[in-house]
Each structure stands twice: as C-alpha cells, then as structure tokens.
Amino acid sequence: MAKIKITQIKSVIDRSERQKKTIEALGLKRINHSVEVEATASIIGMVRKVNHLVAIETI
C-alpha cells in the first residue's frame, strides 16, 4: 500500500461532532499538524468525509 501525508488545514471549531472525531481518529491534533499513514480503504473513507479540512499528499 502507498503512504499518504494528511495535513489539517482548517479548524474543527463549529464542525459536527462526527467530523471532530474523524479528525481525531486520523491522528490530527491542530492546524498544520501532519501525519503519515498507509492508504487503506478505511483511511481513504475518513479523508473523504473531512476533505474540506485537510490536505493530502502521496508519498
């Protein structure tokens, strides 16, 4: 599997609780925080749900 780098670019303030928990489940803690994860189907699904809050790069 390929690795992807996910960076939070927008705040979760005034977002639904579901989106906040998705960001937390991805391992993101604050704006401009990045994590590198394997591009599994579950990770891709989570990223799609919060794609307006994050930036994605393939590694």
C-alpha atoms as a PDB file:
ATOM      1  CA  MET A   1       0.000   0.000   0.000  1.00  0.00           C
ATOM      2  CA  ALA A   2       1.077   3.567  -0.615  1.00  0.00           C
ATOM      3  CA  LYS A   3       1.591   6.046   2.163  1.00  0.00           C
ATOM      4  CA  ILE A   4      -0.171   9.391   2.273  1.00  0.00           C
ATOM      5  CA  LYS A   5       0.574  12.524   4.252  1.00  0.00           C
ATOM      6  CA  ILE A   6      -2.509  14.187   5.735  1.00  0.00           C
ATOM      7  CA  THR A   7      -2.275  17.773   6.999  1.00  0.00           C
ATOM      8  CA  GLN A   8      -5.056  19.597   8.825  1.00  0.00           C
ATOM      9  CA  ILE A   9      -5.524  22.995   7.172  1.00  0.00           C
ATOM     10  CA  LYS A  10      -8.768  24.218   8.768  1.00  0.00           C
ATOM     11  CA  SER A  11     -10.143  24.320  12.293  1.00  0.00           C
ATOM     12  CA  VAL A  12     -12.758  21.902  13.618  1.00  0.00           C
ATOM     13  CA  ILE A  13     -14.499  24.668  15.555  1.00  0.00           C
ATOM     14  CA  ASP A  14     -18.176  24.867  14.501  1.00  0.00           C
ATOM     15  CA  ARG A  15     -17.989  21.446  12.807  1.00  0.00           C
ATOM     16  CA  SER A  16     -20.154  18.447  13.642  1.00  0.00           C
ATOM     17  CA  GLU A  17     -19.058  16.083  16.385  1.00  0.00           C
ATOM     18  CA  ARG A  18     -18.675  13.352  13.762  1.00  0.00           C
ATOM     19  CA  GLN A  19     -16.140  15.415  11.797  1.00  0.00           C
ATOM     20  CA  LYS A  20     -14.237  16.277  15.000  1.00  0.00           C
ATOM     21  CA  LYS A  21     -13.966  12.592  15.897  1.00  0.00           C
ATOM     22  CA  THR A  22     -12.870  11.697  12.361  1.00  0.00           C
ATOM     23  CA  ILE A  23     -10.046  14.258  12.510  1.00  0.00           C
ATOM     24  CA  GLU A  24      -9.038  12.872  15.908  1.00  0.00           C
ATOM     25  CA  ALA A  25      -9.168   9.285  14.595  1.00  0.00           C
ATOM     26  CA  LEU A  26      -6.809  10.262  11.765  1.00  0.00           C
ATOM     27  CA  GLY A  27      -4.320  11.392  14.432  1.00  0.00           C
ATOM     28  CA  LEU A  28      -4.549  15.110  13.743  1.00  0.00           C
ATOM     29  CA  LYS A  29      -4.426  17.464  16.707  1.00  0.00           C
ATOM     30  CA  ARG A  30      -4.230  21.050  15.422  1.00  0.00           C
ATOM     31  CA  ILE A  31      -3.953  23.180  12.286  1.00  0.00           C
ATOM     32  CA  ASN A  32      -0.785  22.451  10.261  1.00  0.00           C
ATOM     33  CA  HIS A  33      -0.261  19.132  12.075  1.00  0.00           C
ATOM     34  CA  SER A  34       0.624  16.286   9.688  1.00  0.00           C
ATOM     35  CA  VAL A  35       0.552  12.507   9.908  1.00  0.00           C
ATOM     36  CA  GLU A  36       1.812   9.833   7.517  1.00  0.00           C
ATOM     37  CA  VAL A  37      -0.433   6.780   7.237  1.00  0.00           C
ATOM     38  CA  GLU A  38      -0.982   3.806   4.952  1.00  0.00           C
ATOM     39  CA  ALA A  39      -3.623   4.471   2.296  1.00  0.00           C
ATOM     40  CA  THR A  40      -6.093   1.771   3.334  1.00  0.00           C
ATOM     41  CA  ALA A  41      -9.751   1.807   2.361  1.00  0.00           C
ATOM     42  CA  SER A  42     -10.834   2.936   5.832  1.00  0.00           C
ATOM     43  CA  ILE A  43      -8.344   5.819   5.904  1.00  0.00           C
ATOM     44  CA  ILE A  44      -9.383   6.952   2.410  1.00  0.00           C
ATOM     45  CA  GLY A  45     -13.035   6.899   3.530  1.00  0.00           C
ATOM     46  CA  MET A  46     -12.268   9.030   6.581  1.00  0.00           C
ATOM     47  CA  VAL A  47     -10.297  11.515   4.475  1.00  0.00           C
ATOM     48  CA  ARG A  48     -13.208  11.857   2.043  1.00  0.00           C
ATOM     49  CA  LYS A  49     -15.547  12.785   4.906  1.00  0.00           C
ATOM     50  CA  VAL A  50     -13.294  15.655   6.028  1.00  0.00           C
ATOM     51  CA  ASN A  51     -11.587  16.555   2.737  1.00  0.00           C
ATOM     52  CA  HIS A  52     -12.585  20.217   3.196  1.00  0.00           C
ATOM     53  CA  LEU A  53     -10.499  20.339   6.413  1.00  0.00           C
ATOM     54  CA  VAL A  54      -7.353  18.514   5.272  1.00  0.00           C
ATOM     55  CA  ALA A  55      -4.740  18.464   2.520  1.00  0.00           C
ATOM     56  CA  ILE A  56      -3.461  15.139   1.149  1.00  0.00           C
ATOM     57  CA  GLU A  57      -0.110  14.305  -0.461  1.00  0.00           C
ATOM     58  CA  THR A  58       1.054  10.917  -1.707  1.00  0.00           C
ATOM     59  CA  ILE A  59       4.487   9.797  -0.562  1.00  0.00           C
END
